[in-house]
């Protein structure tokens, strides 16, 4: 988590909760709920991107998982793909 953000633990917990709620929202049969969940998840993915860059630049290890700098850098180009996938799922899922 970048140092300019306060309440690191709380932000991680809130973003995780929002990810779970967004994922559940994509599973709801209502197109309106799916669209809202999709846009919410897309915005969340954009907002957490700086934290992902911070992890790559500073080679931050999460818990006991050792991905190394290469793992963090390879993860970054996946973010736009994930955003596209979320938006596609929100609009086209039946």
PDB file of N, CA and C in Angstrom:
ATOM      1  N   UNK A   1       0.850  -1.173   0.000  1.00  0.00           N
ATOM      2  CA  UNK A   1       0.000   0.000   0.000  1.00  0.00           C
ATOM      3  C   UNK A   1       0.895   1.235   0.000  1.00  0.00           C
ATOM      4  N   UNK A   2       0.661   2.145  -0.913  1.00  0.00           N
ATOM      5  CA  UNK A   2       1.491   3.360  -0.953  1.00  0.00           C
ATOM      6  C   UNK A   2       1.421   4.133   0.363  1.00  0.00           C
ATOM      7  N   UNK A   3       2.527   4.740   0.736  1.00  0.00           N
ATOM      8  CA  UNK A   3       2.605   5.427   2.026  1.00  0.00           C
ATOM      9  C   UNK A   3       1.692   6.650   2.105  1.00  0.00           C
ATOM     10  N   UNK A   4       1.297   7.214   0.973  1.00  0.00           N
ATOM     11  CA  UNK A   4       0.444   8.401   1.010  1.00  0.00           C
ATOM     12  C   UNK A   4      -1.005   8.072   1.362  1.00  0.00           C
ATOM     13  N   UNK A   5      -1.345   6.784   1.416  1.00  0.00           N
ATOM     14  CA  UNK A   5      -2.696   6.384   1.800  1.00  0.00           C
ATOM     15  C   UNK A   5      -2.733   6.045   3.290  1.00  0.00           C
ATOM     16  N   UNK A   6      -3.755   6.517   3.997  1.00  0.00           N
ATOM     17  CA  UNK A   6      -3.879   6.179   5.418  1.00  0.00           C
ATOM     18  C   UNK A   6      -4.590   4.834   5.591  1.00  0.00           C
ATOM     19  N   UNK A   7      -4.579   4.322   6.793  1.00  0.00           N
ATOM     20  CA  UNK A   7      -5.377   3.147   7.157  1.00  0.00           C
ATOM     21  C   UNK A   7      -5.185   1.972   6.201  1.00  0.00           C
ATOM     22  N   UNK A   8      -3.958   1.545   6.046  1.00  0.00           N
ATOM     23  CA  UNK A   8      -3.641   0.482   5.078  1.00  0.00           C
ATOM     24  C   UNK A   8      -4.472  -0.782   5.284  1.00  0.00           C
ATOM     25  N   UNK A   9      -4.488  -1.286   6.494  1.00  0.00           N
ATOM     26  CA  UNK A   9      -5.210  -2.542   6.759  1.00  0.00           C
ATOM     27  C   UNK A   9      -6.695  -2.379   6.432  1.00  0.00           C
ATOM     28  N   UNK A  10      -7.266  -1.272   6.864  1.00  0.00           N
ATOM     29  CA  UNK A  10      -8.687  -1.034   6.639  1.00  0.00           C
ATOM     30  C   UNK A  10      -9.002  -0.922   5.146  1.00  0.00           C
ATOM     31  N   UNK A  11      -8.136  -0.255   4.394  1.00  0.00           N
ATOM     32  CA  UNK A  11      -8.356  -0.139   2.954  1.00  0.00           C
ATOM     33  C   UNK A  11      -8.288  -1.493   2.263  1.00  0.00           C
ATOM     34  N   UNK A  12      -7.378  -2.337   2.707  1.00  0.00           N
ATOM     35  CA  UNK A  12      -7.284  -3.681   2.133  1.00  0.00           C
ATOM     36  C   UNK A  12      -8.555  -4.471   2.439  1.00  0.00           C
ATOM     37  N   UNK A  13      -9.025  -4.378   3.677  1.00  0.00           N
ATOM     38  CA  UNK A  13     -10.244  -5.102   4.054  1.00  0.00           C
ATOM     39  C   UNK A  13     -11.462  -4.584   3.286  1.00  0.00           C
ATOM     40  N   UNK A  14     -11.587  -3.266   3.158  1.00  0.00           N
ATOM     41  CA  UNK A  14     -12.721  -2.687   2.435  1.00  0.00           C
ATOM     42  C   UNK A  14     -12.662  -3.061   0.960  1.00  0.00           C
ATOM     43  N   UNK A  15     -11.482  -2.985   0.350  1.00  0.00           N
ATOM     44  CA  UNK A  15     -11.380  -3.343  -1.073  1.00  0.00           C
ATOM     45  C   UNK A  15     -11.697  -4.822  -1.272  1.00  0.00           C
ATOM     46  N   UNK A  16     -11.263  -5.672  -0.346  1.00  0.00           N
ATOM     47  CA  UNK A  16     -11.595  -7.099  -0.441  1.00  0.00           C
ATOM     48  C   UNK A  16     -13.089  -7.344  -0.324  1.00  0.00           C
ATOM     49  N   UNK A  17     -13.734  -6.647   0.607  1.00  0.00           N
ATOM     50  CA  UNK A  17     -15.181  -6.771   0.769  1.00  0.00           C
ATOM     51  C   UNK A  17     -15.907  -6.292  -0.489  1.00  0.00           C
ATOM     52  N   UNK A  18     -15.443  -5.180  -1.058  1.00  0.00           N
ATOM     53  CA  UNK A  18     -16.056  -4.674  -2.288  1.00  0.00           C
ATOM     54  C   UNK A  18     -15.868  -5.649  -3.450  1.00  0.00           C
ATOM     55  N   UNK A  19     -14.720  -6.302  -3.510  1.00  0.00           N
ATOM     56  CA  UNK A  19     -14.500  -7.319  -4.556  1.00  0.00           C
ATOM     57  C   UNK A  19     -15.491  -8.463  -4.405  1.00  0.00           C
ATOM     58  N   UNK A  20     -15.690  -8.919  -3.178  1.00  0.00           N
ATOM     59  CA  UNK A  20     -16.625 -10.027  -2.927  1.00  0.00           C
ATOM     60  C   UNK A  20     -18.049  -9.612  -3.291  1.00  0.00           C
ATOM     61  N   UNK A  21     -18.463  -8.419  -2.829  1.00  0.00           N
ATOM     62  CA  UNK A  21     -19.811  -7.946  -3.136  1.00  0.00           C
ATOM     63  C   UNK A  21     -19.998  -7.745  -4.641  1.00  0.00           C
ATOM     64  N   UNK A  22     -18.976  -7.236  -5.313  1.00  0.00           N
ATOM     65  CA  UNK A  22     -19.054  -7.067  -6.761  1.00  0.00           C
ATOM     66  C   UNK A  22     -19.188  -8.398  -7.475  1.00  0.00           C
ATOM     67  N   UNK A  23     -18.417  -9.377  -7.038  1.00  0.00           N
ATOM     68  CA  UNK A  23     -18.510 -10.708  -7.635  1.00  0.00           C
ATOM     69  C   UNK A  23     -19.892 -11.314  -7.436  1.00  0.00           C
ATOM     70  N   UNK A  24     -20.442 -11.148  -6.241  1.00  0.00           N
ATOM     71  CA  UNK A  24     -21.797 -11.634  -5.983  1.00  0.00           C
ATOM     72  C   UNK A  24     -22.810 -10.880  -6.844  1.00  0.00           C
ATOM     73  N   UNK A  25     -22.583  -9.578  -7.013  1.00  0.00           N
ATOM     74  CA  UNK A  25     -23.476  -8.767  -7.841  1.00  0.00           C
ATOM     75  C   UNK A  25     -23.490  -9.228  -9.288  1.00  0.00           C
ATOM     76  N   UNK A  26     -22.357  -9.705  -9.781  1.00  0.00           N
ATOM     77  CA  UNK A  26     -22.315 -10.219 -11.160  1.00  0.00           C
ATOM     78  C   UNK A  26     -23.122 -11.507 -11.309  1.00  0.00           C
ATOM     79  N   UNK A  27     -23.356 -12.204 -10.198  1.00  0.00           N
ATOM     80  CA  UNK A  27     -24.099 -13.469 -10.246  1.00  0.00           C
ATOM     81  C   UNK A  27     -25.613 -13.265 -10.110  1.00  0.00           C
ATOM     82  N   UNK A  28     -26.037 -12.056  -9.790  1.00  0.00           N
ATOM     83  CA  UNK A  28     -27.469 -11.769  -9.614  1.00  0.00           C
ATOM     84  C   UNK A  28     -28.142 -11.711 -10.985  1.00  0.00           C
ATOM     85  N   UNK A  29     -29.336 -12.296 -11.103  1.00  0.00           N
ATOM     86  CA  UNK A  29     -30.015 -12.316 -12.404  1.00  0.00           C
ATOM     87  C   UNK A  29     -30.422 -10.938 -12.937  1.00  0.00           C
ATOM     88  N   UNK A  30     -30.527  -9.949 -12.092  1.00  0.00           N
ATOM     89  CA  UNK A  30     -30.978  -8.632 -12.525  1.00  0.00           C
ATOM     90  C   UNK A  30     -29.904  -7.921 -13.351  1.00  0.00           C
ATOM     91  N   UNK A  31     -30.229  -7.545 -14.610  1.00  0.00           N
ATOM     92  CA  UNK A  31     -29.245  -6.828 -15.431  1.00  0.00           C
ATOM     93  C   UNK A  31     -28.796  -5.514 -14.788  1.00  0.00           C
ATOM     94  N   UNK A  32     -29.699  -4.855 -14.095  1.00  0.00           N
ATOM     95  CA  UNK A  32     -29.366  -3.591 -13.437  1.00  0.00           C
ATOM     96  C   UNK A  32     -28.309  -3.791 -12.347  1.00  0.00           C
ATOM     97  N   UNK A  33     -28.482  -4.834 -11.551  1.00  0.00           N
ATOM     98  CA  UNK A  33     -27.515  -5.142 -10.487  1.00  0.00           C
ATOM     99  C   UNK A  33     -26.186  -5.554 -11.097  1.00  0.00           C
ATOM    100  N   UNK A  34     -26.220  -6.384 -12.144  1.00  0.00           N
ATOM    101  CA  UNK A  34     -24.975  -6.825 -12.798  1.00  0.00           C
ATOM    102  C   UNK A  34     -24.210  -5.639 -13.368  1.00  0.00           C
ATOM    103  N   UNK A  35     -24.918  -4.737 -14.014  1.00  0.00           N
ATOM    104  CA  UNK A  35     -24.241  -3.552 -14.571  1.00  0.00           C
ATOM    105  C   UNK A  35     -23.606  -2.714 -13.469  1.00  0.00           C
ATOM    106  N   UNK A  36     -24.342  -2.501 -12.387  1.00  0.00           N
ATOM    107  CA  UNK A  36     -23.802  -1.713 -11.269  1.00  0.00           C
ATOM    108  C   UNK A  36     -22.587  -2.410 -10.661  1.00  0.00           C
ATOM    109  N   UNK A  37     -22.678  -3.720 -10.487  1.00  0.00           N
ATOM    110  CA  UNK A  37     -21.550  -4.473  -9.934  1.00  0.00           C
ATOM    111  C   UNK A  37     -20.348  -4.410 -10.873  1.00  0.00           C
ATOM    112  N   UNK A  38     -20.603  -4.527 -12.168  1.00  0.00           N
ATOM    113  CA  UNK A  38     -19.517  -4.478 -13.146  1.00  0.00           C
ATOM    114  C   UNK A  38     -18.804  -3.140 -13.134  1.00  0.00           C
ATOM    115  N   UNK A  39     -19.572  -2.060 -13.146  1.00  0.00           N
ATOM    116  CA  UNK A  39     -18.949  -0.740 -13.111  1.00  0.00           C
ATOM    117  C   UNK A  39     -18.217  -0.512 -11.792  1.00  0.00           C
ATOM    118  N   UNK A  40     -18.803  -0.980 -10.693  1.00  0.00           N
ATOM    119  CA  UNK A  40     -18.141  -0.841  -9.395  1.00  0.00           C
ATOM    120  C   UNK A  40     -16.813  -1.581  -9.351  1.00  0.00           C
ATOM    121  N   UNK A  41     -16.808  -2.800  -9.869  1.00  0.00           N
ATOM    122  CA  UNK A  41     -15.563  -3.574  -9.900  1.00  0.00           C
ATOM    123  C   UNK A  41     -14.534  -2.943 -10.836  1.00  0.00           C
ATOM    124  N   UNK A  42     -14.984  -2.427 -11.967  1.00  0.00           N
ATOM    125  CA  UNK A  42     -14.056  -1.780 -12.900  1.00  0.00           C
ATOM    126  C   UNK A  42     -13.405  -0.563 -12.243  1.00  0.00           C
ATOM    127  N   UNK A  43     -14.200   0.232 -11.550  1.00  0.00           N
ATOM    128  CA  UNK A  43     -13.654   1.408 -10.851  1.00  0.00           C
ATOM    129  C   UNK A  43     -12.682   0.958  -9.763  1.00  0.00           C
ATOM    130  N   UNK A  44     -13.052  -0.076  -9.024  1.00  0.00           N
ATOM    131  CA  UNK A  44     -12.163  -0.594  -7.981  1.00  0.00           C
ATOM    132  C   UNK A  44     -10.829  -1.050  -8.572  1.00  0.00           C
ATOM    133  N   UNK A  45     -10.868  -1.754  -9.702  1.00  0.00           N
ATOM    134  CA  UNK A  45      -9.633  -2.209 -10.341  1.00  0.00           C
ATOM    135  C   UNK A  45      -8.750  -1.041 -10.779  1.00  0.00           C
ATOM    136  N   UNK A  46      -9.386   0.027 -11.233  1.00  0.00           N
ATOM    137  CA  UNK A  46      -8.616   1.225 -11.601  1.00  0.00           C
ATOM    138  C   UNK A  46      -8.002   1.858 -10.354  1.00  0.00           C
ATOM    139  N   UNK A  47      -8.788   1.923  -9.277  1.00  0.00           N
ATOM    140  CA  UNK A  47      -8.303   2.565  -8.048  1.00  0.00           C
ATOM    141  C   UNK A  47      -7.177   1.797  -7.368  1.00  0.00           C
ATOM    142  N   UNK A  48      -7.190   0.464  -7.479  1.00  0.00           N
ATOM    143  CA  UNK A  48      -6.130  -0.304  -6.811  1.00  0.00           C
ATOM    144  C   UNK A  48      -4.879  -0.465  -7.681  1.00  0.00           C
ATOM    145  N   UNK A  49      -4.962  -0.035  -8.931  1.00  0.00           N
ATOM    146  CA  UNK A  49      -3.805  -0.171  -9.816  1.00  0.00           C
ATOM    147  C   UNK A  49      -2.553   0.519  -9.262  1.00  0.00           C
ATOM    148  N   UNK A  50      -2.647   1.746  -8.719  1.00  0.00           N
ATOM    149  CA  UNK A  50      -1.434   2.361  -8.144  1.00  0.00           C
ATOM    150  C   UNK A  50      -0.811   1.527  -7.027  1.00  0.00           C
ATOM    151  N   UNK A  51      -1.631   0.850  -6.243  1.00  0.00           N
ATOM    152  CA  UNK A  51      -1.089  -0.015  -5.189  1.00  0.00           C
ATOM    153  C   UNK A  51      -0.348  -1.196  -5.809  1.00  0.00           C
ATOM    154  N   UNK A  52      -0.870  -1.724  -6.916  1.00  0.00           N
ATOM    155  CA  UNK A  52      -0.193  -2.829  -7.600  1.00  0.00           C
ATOM    156  C   UNK A  52       1.149  -2.374  -8.181  1.00  0.00           C
ATOM    157  N   UNK A  53       1.177  -1.165  -8.726  1.00  0.00           N
ATOM    158  CA  UNK A  53       2.436  -0.607  -9.236  1.00  0.00           C
ATOM    159  C   UNK A  53       3.414  -0.420  -8.084  1.00  0.00           C
ATOM    160  N   UNK A  54       2.919   0.088  -6.969  1.00  0.00           N
ATOM    161  CA  UNK A  54       3.753   0.279  -5.779  1.00  0.00           C
ATOM    162  C   UNK A  54       4.379  -1.051  -5.339  1.00  0.00           C
ATOM    163  N   UNK A  55       3.594  -2.114  -5.360  1.00  0.00           N
ATOM    164  CA  UNK A  55       4.112  -3.432  -4.968  1.00  0.00           C
ATOM    165  C   UNK A  55       5.197  -3.901  -5.936  1.00  0.00           C
ATOM    166  N   UNK A  56       5.005  -3.645  -7.223  1.00  0.00           N
ATOM    167  CA  UNK A  56       5.993  -4.071  -8.214  1.00  0.00           C
ATOM    168  C   UNK A  56       7.281  -3.268  -8.084  1.00  0.00           C
ATOM    169  N   UNK A  57       7.152  -1.967  -7.964  1.00  0.00           N
ATOM    170  CA  UNK A  57       8.330  -1.097  -7.893  1.00  0.00           C
ATOM    171  C   UNK A  57       9.149  -1.383  -6.646  1.00  0.00           C
ATOM    172  N   UNK A  58       8.454  -1.643  -5.528  1.00  0.00           N
ATOM    173  CA  UNK A  58       9.140  -1.834  -4.254  1.00  0.00           C
ATOM    174  C   UNK A  58       9.333  -3.299  -3.874  1.00  0.00           C
ATOM    175  N   UNK A  59       8.967  -4.208  -4.771  1.00  0.00           N
ATOM    176  CA  UNK A  59       9.116  -5.652  -4.554  1.00  0.00           C
ATOM    177  C   UNK A  59       8.584  -6.067  -3.185  1.00  0.00           C
ATOM    178  N   UNK A  60       7.340  -5.706  -2.925  1.00  0.00           N
ATOM    179  CA  UNK A  60       6.720  -5.990  -1.637  1.00  0.00           C
ATOM    180  C   UNK A  60       6.192  -7.415  -1.628  1.00  0.00           C
ATOM    181  N   UNK A  61       6.534  -8.133  -0.582  1.00  0.00           N
ATOM    182  CA  UNK A  61       6.082  -9.508  -0.402  1.00  0.00           C
ATOM    183  C   UNK A  61       4.807  -9.493   0.437  1.00  0.00           C
ATOM    184  N   UNK A  62       3.822 -10.308   0.065  1.00  0.00           N
ATOM    185  CA  UNK A  62       2.572 -10.414   0.806  1.00  0.00           C
ATOM    186  C   UNK A  62       2.580 -11.724   1.582  1.00  0.00           C
ATOM    187  N   UNK A  63       2.604 -11.617   2.893  1.00  0.00           N
ATOM    188  CA  UNK A  63       2.609 -12.817   3.725  1.00  0.00           C
ATOM    189  C   UNK A  63       3.785 -13.711   3.390  1.00  0.00           C
ATOM    190  N   UNK A  64       3.522 -14.993   3.271  1.00  0.00           N
ATOM    191  CA  UNK A  64       4.592 -15.947   2.972  1.00  0.00           C
ATOM    192  C   UNK A  64       4.725 -16.218   1.476  1.00  0.00           C
ATOM    193  N   UNK A  65       3.889 -15.570   0.664  1.00  0.00           N
ATOM    194  CA  UNK A  65       3.926 -15.771  -0.784  1.00  0.00           C
ATOM    195  C   UNK A  65       5.110 -15.006  -1.367  1.00  0.00           C
ATOM    196  N   UNK A  66       5.979 -15.702  -2.102  1.00  0.00           N
ATOM    197  CA  UNK A  66       7.141 -15.067  -2.722  1.00  0.00           C
ATOM    198  C   UNK A  66       6.951 -15.079  -4.231  1.00  0.00           C
ATOM    199  N   UNK A  67       6.517 -13.950  -4.777  1.00  0.00           N
ATOM    200  CA  UNK A  67       6.339 -13.869  -6.223  1.00  0.00           C
ATOM    201  C   UNK A  67       7.539 -13.202  -6.878  1.00  0.00           C
ATOM    202  N   UNK A  68       8.192 -12.330  -6.133  1.00  0.00           N
ATOM    203  CA  UNK A  68       9.318 -11.602  -6.697  1.00  0.00           C
ATOM    204  C   UNK A  68       8.848 -10.494  -7.614  1.00  0.00           C
ATOM    205  N   UNK A  69       9.772  -9.652  -8.004  1.00  0.00           N
ATOM    206  CA  UNK A  69       9.451  -8.485  -8.829  1.00  0.00           C
ATOM    207  C   UNK A  69       8.829  -8.903 -10.160  1.00  0.00           C
ATOM    208  N   UNK A  70       9.333  -9.954 -10.770  1.00  0.00           N
ATOM    209  CA  UNK A  70       8.798 -10.379 -12.066  1.00  0.00           C
ATOM    210  C   UNK A  70       7.309 -10.704 -11.962  1.00  0.00           C
ATOM    211  N   UNK A  71       6.926 -11.377 -10.903  1.00  0.00           N
ATOM    212  CA  UNK A  71       5.513 -11.716 -10.708  1.00  0.00           C
ATOM    213  C   UNK A  71       4.638 -10.485 -10.597  1.00  0.00           C
ATOM    214  N   UNK A  72       5.112  -9.490  -9.859  1.00  0.00           N
ATOM    215  CA  UNK A  72       4.339  -8.251  -9.711  1.00  0.00           C
ATOM    216  C   UNK A  72       4.259  -7.505 -11.037  1.00  0.00           C
ATOM    217  N   UNK A  73       5.363  -7.471 -11.785  1.00  0.00           N
ATOM    218  CA  UNK A  73       5.349  -6.752 -13.068  1.00  0.00           C
ATOM    219  C   UNK A  73       4.484  -7.464 -14.104  1.00  0.00           C
ATOM    220  N   UNK A  74       4.474  -8.793 -14.081  1.00  0.00           N
ATOM    221  CA  UNK A  74       3.632  -9.534 -15.025  1.00  0.00           C
ATOM    222  C   UNK A  74       2.147  -9.349 -14.717  1.00  0.00           C
ATOM    223  N   UNK A  75       1.855  -9.070 -13.475  1.00  0.00           N
ATOM    224  CA  UNK A  75       0.466  -8.883 -13.059  1.00  0.00           C
ATOM    225  C   UNK A  75      -0.125  -7.574 -13.596  1.00  0.00           C
ATOM    226  N   UNK A  76       0.697  -6.570 -13.756  1.00  0.00           N
ATOM    227  CA  UNK A  76       0.189  -5.243 -14.151  1.00  0.00           C
ATOM    228  C   UNK A  76      -0.549  -5.224 -15.490  1.00  0.00           C
ATOM    229  N   UNK A  77      -0.026  -5.860 -16.549  1.00  0.00           N
ATOM    230  CA  UNK A  77      -0.755  -5.828 -17.826  1.00  0.00           C
ATOM    231  C   UNK A  77      -2.077  -6.595 -17.776  1.00  0.00           C
ATOM    232  N   UNK A  78      -2.261  -7.432 -16.761  1.00  0.00           N
ATOM    233  CA  UNK A  78      -3.517  -8.166 -16.650  1.00  0.00           C
ATOM    234  C   UNK A  78      -4.666  -7.283 -16.176  1.00  0.00           C
ATOM    235  N   UNK A  79      -4.341  -6.174 -15.536  1.00  0.00           N
ATOM    236  CA  UNK A  79      -5.376  -5.304 -14.977  1.00  0.00           C
ATOM    237  C   UNK A  79      -6.365  -4.821 -16.055  1.00  0.00           C
ATOM    238  N   UNK A  80      -5.913  -4.302 -17.195  1.00  0.00           N
ATOM    239  CA  UNK A  80      -6.886  -3.904 -18.234  1.00  0.00           C
ATOM    240  C   UNK A  80      -7.731  -5.082 -18.729  1.00  0.00           C
ATOM    241  N   UNK A  81      -7.128  -6.255 -18.820  1.00  0.00           N
ATOM    242  CA  UNK A  81      -7.879  -7.446 -19.222  1.00  0.00           C
ATOM    243  C   UNK A  81      -8.965  -7.768 -18.196  1.00  0.00           C
ATOM    244  N   UNK A  82      -8.636  -7.668 -16.927  1.00  0.00           N
ATOM    245  CA  UNK A  82      -9.625  -7.919 -15.883  1.00  0.00           C
ATOM    246  C   UNK A  82     -10.765  -6.899 -15.940  1.00  0.00           C
ATOM    247  N   UNK A  83     -10.429  -5.652 -16.205  1.00  0.00           N
ATOM    248  CA  UNK A  83     -11.462  -4.613 -16.321  1.00  0.00           C
ATOM    249  C   UNK A  83     -12.393  -4.936 -17.488  1.00  0.00           C
ATOM    250  N   UNK A  84     -11.813  -5.299 -18.628  1.00  0.00           N
ATOM    251  CA  UNK A  84     -12.632  -5.670 -19.787  1.00  0.00           C
ATOM    252  C   UNK A  84     -13.523  -6.852 -19.449  1.00  0.00           C
ATOM    253  N   UNK A  85     -12.972  -7.868 -18.789  1.00  0.00           N
ATOM    254  CA  UNK A  85     -13.704  -9.090 -18.460  1.00  0.00           C
ATOM    255  C   UNK A  85     -14.878  -8.786 -17.528  1.00  0.00           C
ATOM    256  N   UNK A  86     -14.652  -7.948 -16.534  1.00  0.00           N
ATOM    257  CA  UNK A  86     -15.715  -7.577 -15.603  1.00  0.00           C
ATOM    258  C   UNK A  86     -16.837  -6.856 -16.347  1.00  0.00           C
ATOM    259  N   UNK A  87     -16.469  -5.890 -17.187  1.00  0.00           N
ATOM    260  CA  UNK A  87     -17.491  -5.150 -17.920  1.00  0.00           C
ATOM    261  C   UNK A  87     -18.231  -6.052 -18.907  1.00  0.00           C
ATOM    262  N   UNK A  88     -17.523  -6.957 -19.554  1.00  0.00           N
ATOM    263  CA  UNK A  88     -18.161  -7.903 -20.471  1.00  0.00           C
ATOM    264  C   UNK A  88     -19.137  -8.788 -19.696  1.00  0.00           C
ATOM    265  N   UNK A  89     -18.708  -9.274 -18.548  1.00  0.00           N
ATOM    266  CA  UNK A  89     -19.570 -10.136 -17.729  1.00  0.00           C
ATOM    267  C   UNK A  89     -20.806  -9.396 -17.262  1.00  0.00           C
ATOM    268  N   UNK A  90     -20.654  -8.147 -16.931  1.00  0.00           N
ATOM    269  CA  UNK A  90     -21.787  -7.364 -16.423  1.00  0.00           C
ATOM    270  C   UNK A  90     -22.828  -7.110 -17.500  1.00  0.00           C
ATOM    271  N   UNK A  91     -22.417  -6.996 -18.753  1.00  0.00           N
ATOM    272  CA  UNK A  91     -23.355  -6.660 -19.834  1.00  0.00           C
ATOM    273  C   UNK A  91     -23.937  -7.876 -20.527  1.00  0.00           C
ATOM    274  N   UNK A  92     -23.129  -8.921 -20.699  1.00  0.00           N
ATOM    275  CA  UNK A  92     -23.536 -10.011 -21.576  1.00  0.00           C
ATOM    276  C   UNK A  92     -23.948 -11.289 -20.874  1.00  0.00           C
ATOM    277  N   UNK A  93     -23.739 -11.351 -19.614  1.00  0.00           N
ATOM    278  CA  UNK A  93     -24.056 -12.585 -18.893  1.00  0.00           C
ATOM    279  C   UNK A  93     -25.576 -12.761 -18.829  1.00  0.00           C
ATOM    280  N   UNK A  94     -26.045 -13.987 -19.073  1.00  0.00           N
ATOM    281  CA  UNK A  94     -27.498 -14.256 -19.044  1.00  0.00           C
ATOM    282  C   UNK A  94     -27.864 -15.084 -17.846  1.00  0.00           C
TER     283      UNK A  94
END
